[in-house]
Amino acid sequence: MSSVEGVRLDKWLWAARFYKTRSIARDMIDGGKIQVDGDRGRPAKAVKVGMLISLRQGNDLREVEVLEVSDKRGGAPQAAKMYRETEASIAARETAAANRKLVGAGPDHRPDKKERRAMERFRRDQM
């Protein structure tokens, strides 16, 4: 993995495997979902070692410290060496995951024909 002085933010997010493509990374930056050292990020912002990047990935908000700067996308083990997630971020993600689990994601399966007819009958009887 080649180390360079500074890399574009969108390229670093792609190389660190936070997003599948650079265009998705750029869209996330343009949408305000990425912050660099507390300020709103720009795709061309130069990433340097020691910077703190906050990013939204799905339902989770991650805060990572840049450990290595590279413009090449490698394997997942190499990408994991490029950053370190903060302890506060890990704790917040675990708490949010536990809360989502408590709330529940909904039914375990799609209703079959018999269950659909029972729901329709229930709705019809409620009116």
C-alpha atoms as a PDB file:
ATOM      1  CA  MET A   1       0.000   0.000   0.000  1.00  0.00           C
ATOM      2  CA  SER A   2       1.559   3.289  -1.028  1.00  0.00           C
ATOM      3  CA  SER A   3       1.700   6.060   1.530  1.00  0.00           C
ATOM      4  CA  VAL A   4       1.501   9.618   0.264  1.00  0.00           C
ATOM      5  CA  GLU A   5       1.494  13.034   1.935  1.00  0.00           C
ATOM      6  CA  GLY A   6      -2.165  13.944   1.437  1.00  0.00           C
ATOM      7  CA  VAL A   7      -5.051  12.278  -0.393  1.00  0.00           C
ATOM      8  CA  ARG A   8      -8.465  13.577  -1.405  1.00  0.00           C
ATOM      9  CA  LEU A   9     -11.134  12.785   1.184  1.00  0.00           C
ATOM     10  CA  ASP A  10     -13.363  10.914  -1.262  1.00  0.00           C
ATOM     11  CA  LYS A  11     -10.417   8.801  -2.439  1.00  0.00           C
ATOM     12  CA  TRP A  12      -9.335   8.003   1.137  1.00  0.00           C
ATOM     13  CA  LEU A  13     -12.873   6.955   2.161  1.00  0.00           C
ATOM     14  CA  TRP A  14     -12.970   4.653  -0.886  1.00  0.00           C
ATOM     15  CA  ALA A  15      -9.459   3.266  -0.207  1.00  0.00           C
ATOM     16  CA  ALA A  16     -10.327   2.653   3.482  1.00  0.00           C
ATOM     17  CA  ARG A  17     -13.396   0.693   2.286  1.00  0.00           C
ATOM     18  CA  PHE A  18     -16.046   2.821   3.977  1.00  0.00           C
ATOM     19  CA  TYR A  19     -17.864   3.149   0.652  1.00  0.00           C
ATOM     20  CA  LYS A  20     -17.905   0.891  -2.390  1.00  0.00           C
ATOM     21  CA  THR A  21     -17.184   3.591  -4.976  1.00  0.00           C
ATOM     22  CA  ARG A  22     -15.637   7.063  -4.984  1.00  0.00           C
ATOM     23  CA  SER A  23     -18.849   8.515  -6.383  1.00  0.00           C
ATOM     24  CA  ILE A  24     -20.825   7.174  -3.402  1.00  0.00           C
ATOM     25  CA  ALA A  25     -18.190   8.642  -1.076  1.00  0.00           C
ATOM     26  CA  ARG A  26     -18.463  11.990  -2.895  1.00  0.00           C
ATOM     27  CA  ASP A  27     -22.276  11.920  -2.644  1.00  0.00           C
ATOM     28  CA  MET A  28     -22.044  11.287   1.094  1.00  0.00           C
ATOM     29  CA  ILE A  29     -19.604  14.184   1.483  1.00  0.00           C
ATOM     30  CA  ASP A  30     -21.794  16.506  -0.608  1.00  0.00           C
ATOM     31  CA  GLY A  31     -24.821  15.418   1.443  1.00  0.00           C
ATOM     32  CA  GLY A  32     -23.154  16.601   4.652  1.00  0.00           C
ATOM     33  CA  LYS A  33     -22.750  13.132   6.130  1.00  0.00           C
ATOM     34  CA  ILE A  34     -18.951  13.447   6.527  1.00  0.00           C
ATOM     35  CA  GLN A  35     -17.172  15.816   8.916  1.00  0.00           C
ATOM     36  CA  VAL A  36     -13.424  16.350   9.133  1.00  0.00           C
ATOM     37  CA  ASP A  37     -12.111  17.689  12.437  1.00  0.00           C
ATOM     38  CA  GLY A  38     -15.595  19.018  13.256  1.00  0.00           C
ATOM     39  CA  ASP A  39     -16.044  20.896   9.954  1.00  0.00           C
ATOM     40  CA  ARG A  40     -18.131  19.852   6.997  1.00  0.00           C
ATOM     41  CA  GLY A  41     -16.026  17.858   4.564  1.00  0.00           C
ATOM     42  CA  ARG A  42     -15.328  18.577   0.906  1.00  0.00           C
ATOM     43  CA  PRO A  43     -14.384  15.885  -1.624  1.00  0.00           C
ATOM     44  CA  ALA A  44     -11.039  17.552  -2.440  1.00  0.00           C
ATOM     45  CA  LYS A  45     -10.053  18.098   1.225  1.00  0.00           C
ATOM     46  CA  ALA A  46      -6.588  16.652   1.835  1.00  0.00           C
ATOM     47  CA  VAL A  47      -6.600  13.878   4.439  1.00  0.00           C
ATOM     48  CA  LYS A  48      -3.555  13.732   6.698  1.00  0.00           C
ATOM     49  CA  VAL A  49      -2.495  11.405   9.517  1.00  0.00           C
ATOM     50  CA  GLY A  50      -4.106  12.343  12.837  1.00  0.00           C
ATOM     51  CA  MET A  51      -7.296  13.843  11.408  1.00  0.00           C
ATOM     52  CA  LEU A  52     -10.610  12.916  13.034  1.00  0.00           C
ATOM     53  CA  ILE A  53     -13.328  11.970  10.539  1.00  0.00           C
ATOM     54  CA  SER A  54     -17.004  11.499  11.483  1.00  0.00           C
ATOM     55  CA  LEU A  55     -19.074   9.598   8.950  1.00  0.00           C
ATOM     56  CA  ARG A  56     -22.484   8.053   8.680  1.00  0.00           C
ATOM     57  CA  GLN A  57     -22.570   4.454   7.520  1.00  0.00           C
ATOM     58  CA  GLY A  58     -26.095   3.065   7.367  1.00  0.00           C
ATOM     59  CA  ASN A  59     -27.752   3.745  10.724  1.00  0.00           C
ATOM     60  CA  ASP A  60     -24.436   4.155  12.509  1.00  0.00           C
ATOM     61  CA  LEU A  61     -22.343   7.253  13.097  1.00  0.00           C
ATOM     62  CA  ARG A  62     -18.635   6.382  13.207  1.00  0.00           C
ATOM     63  CA  GLU A  63     -15.772   8.561  14.366  1.00  0.00           C
ATOM     64  CA  VAL A  64     -12.346   7.432  13.163  1.00  0.00           C
ATOM     65  CA  GLU A  65      -8.799   8.724  13.493  1.00  0.00           C
ATOM     66  CA  VAL A  66      -6.625   8.541  10.378  1.00  0.00           C
ATOM     67  CA  LEU A  67      -3.535   6.375  10.964  1.00  0.00           C
ATOM     68  CA  GLU A  68      -2.341   5.952   7.387  1.00  0.00           C
ATOM     69  CA  VAL A  69      -2.959   7.831   4.156  1.00  0.00           C
ATOM     70  CA  SER A  70      -3.153   5.923   0.900  1.00  0.00           C
ATOM     71  CA  ASP A  71      -4.768   6.416  -2.489  1.00  0.00           C
ATOM     72  CA  LYS A  72      -4.771   2.693  -3.365  1.00  0.00           C
ATOM     73  CA  ARG A  73      -7.645   0.411  -2.446  1.00  0.00           C
ATOM     74  CA  GLY A  74      -6.353  -2.820  -0.956  1.00  0.00           C
ATOM     75  CA  GLY A  75      -7.893  -5.702   0.904  1.00  0.00           C
ATOM     76  CA  ALA A  76     -10.002  -5.330   4.029  1.00  0.00           C
ATOM     77  CA  PRO A  77      -7.166  -6.187   6.454  1.00  0.00           C
ATOM     78  CA  GLN A  78      -4.971  -3.502   4.854  1.00  0.00           C
ATOM     79  CA  ALA A  79      -7.818  -0.979   4.880  1.00  0.00           C
ATOM     80  CA  ALA A  80      -8.470  -1.610   8.589  1.00  0.00           C
ATOM     81  CA  LYS A  81      -4.899  -0.488   9.345  1.00  0.00           C
ATOM     82  CA  MET A  82      -5.612   2.932   7.815  1.00  0.00           C
ATOM     83  CA  TYR A  83      -7.848   4.108  10.687  1.00  0.00           C
ATOM     84  CA  ARG A  84      -8.795   3.528  14.317  1.00  0.00           C
ATOM     85  CA  GLU A  85     -12.322   4.023  15.594  1.00  0.00           C
ATOM     86  CA  THR A  86     -12.589   6.040  18.817  1.00  0.00           C
ATOM     87  CA  GLU A  87     -13.770   4.371  22.040  1.00  0.00           C
ATOM     88  CA  ALA A  88     -16.724   6.775  22.317  1.00  0.00           C
ATOM     89  CA  SER A  89     -17.801   5.886  18.786  1.00  0.00           C
ATOM     90  CA  ILE A  90     -17.643   2.147  19.474  1.00  0.00           C
ATOM     91  CA  ALA A  91     -19.684   2.544  22.676  1.00  0.00           C
ATOM     92  CA  ALA A  92     -22.299   4.704  20.901  1.00  0.00           C
ATOM     93  CA  ARG A  93     -22.633   2.188  18.041  1.00  0.00           C
ATOM     94  CA  GLU A  94     -23.073  -0.713  20.475  1.00  0.00           C
ATOM     95  CA  THR A  95     -25.715   1.225  22.439  1.00  0.00           C
ATOM     96  CA  ALA A  96     -27.591   2.110  19.251  1.00  0.00           C
ATOM     97  CA  ALA A  97     -27.461  -1.522  18.082  1.00  0.00           C
ATOM     98  CA  ALA A  98     -28.831  -2.709  21.443  1.00  0.00           C
ATOM     99  CA  ASN A  99     -31.652  -0.148  21.240  1.00  0.00           C
ATOM    100  CA  ARG A 100     -32.529  -1.251  17.702  1.00  0.00           C
ATOM    101  CA  LYS A 101     -32.577  -4.858  18.873  1.00  0.00           C
ATOM    102  CA  LEU A 102     -34.921  -4.002  21.773  1.00  0.00           C
ATOM    103  CA  VAL A 103     -37.329  -2.153  19.526  1.00  0.00           C
ATOM    104  CA  GLY A 104     -37.360  -5.024  17.063  1.00  0.00           C
ATOM    105  CA  ALA A 105     -37.215  -4.996  13.319  1.00  0.00           C
ATOM    106  CA  GLY A 106     -40.749  -6.276  12.786  1.00  0.00           C
ATOM    107  CA  PRO A 107     -42.144  -9.700  11.976  1.00  0.00           C
ATOM    108  CA  ASP A 108     -39.779 -12.614  11.537  1.00  0.00           C
ATOM    109  CA  HIS A 109     -41.290 -13.650   8.227  1.00  0.00           C
ATOM    110  CA  ARG A 110     -43.691 -12.600   5.508  1.00  0.00           C
ATOM    111  CA  PRO A 111     -47.273 -13.704   6.144  1.00  0.00           C
ATOM    112  CA  ASP A 112     -48.438 -16.727   4.188  1.00  0.00           C
ATOM    113  CA  LYS A 113     -51.822 -16.996   2.474  1.00  0.00           C
ATOM    114  CA  LYS A 114     -53.656 -18.126   5.611  1.00  0.00           C
ATOM    115  CA  GLU A 115     -52.165 -15.320   7.722  1.00  0.00           C
ATOM    116  CA  ARG A 116     -52.960 -12.702   5.036  1.00  0.00           C
ATOM    117  CA  ARG A 117     -56.588 -13.805   4.949  1.00  0.00           C
ATOM    118  CA  ALA A 118     -56.748 -13.598   8.756  1.00  0.00           C
ATOM    119  CA  MET A 119     -55.352 -10.046   8.648  1.00  0.00           C
ATOM    120  CA  GLU A 120     -57.841  -9.037   5.955  1.00  0.00           C
ATOM    121  CA  ARG A 121     -60.686 -10.529   8.003  1.00  0.00           C
ATOM    122  CA  PHE A 122     -59.454  -8.634  11.089  1.00  0.00           C
ATOM    123  CA  ARG A 123     -59.300  -5.325   9.184  1.00  0.00           C
ATOM    124  CA  ARG A 124     -62.749  -5.895   7.662  1.00  0.00           C
ATOM    125  CA  ASP A 125     -64.238  -6.658  11.101  1.00  0.00           C
ATOM    126  CA  GLN A 126     -62.705  -3.497  12.586  1.00  0.00           C
ATOM    127  CA  MET A 127     -64.594  -1.230  10.158  1.00  0.00           C
END
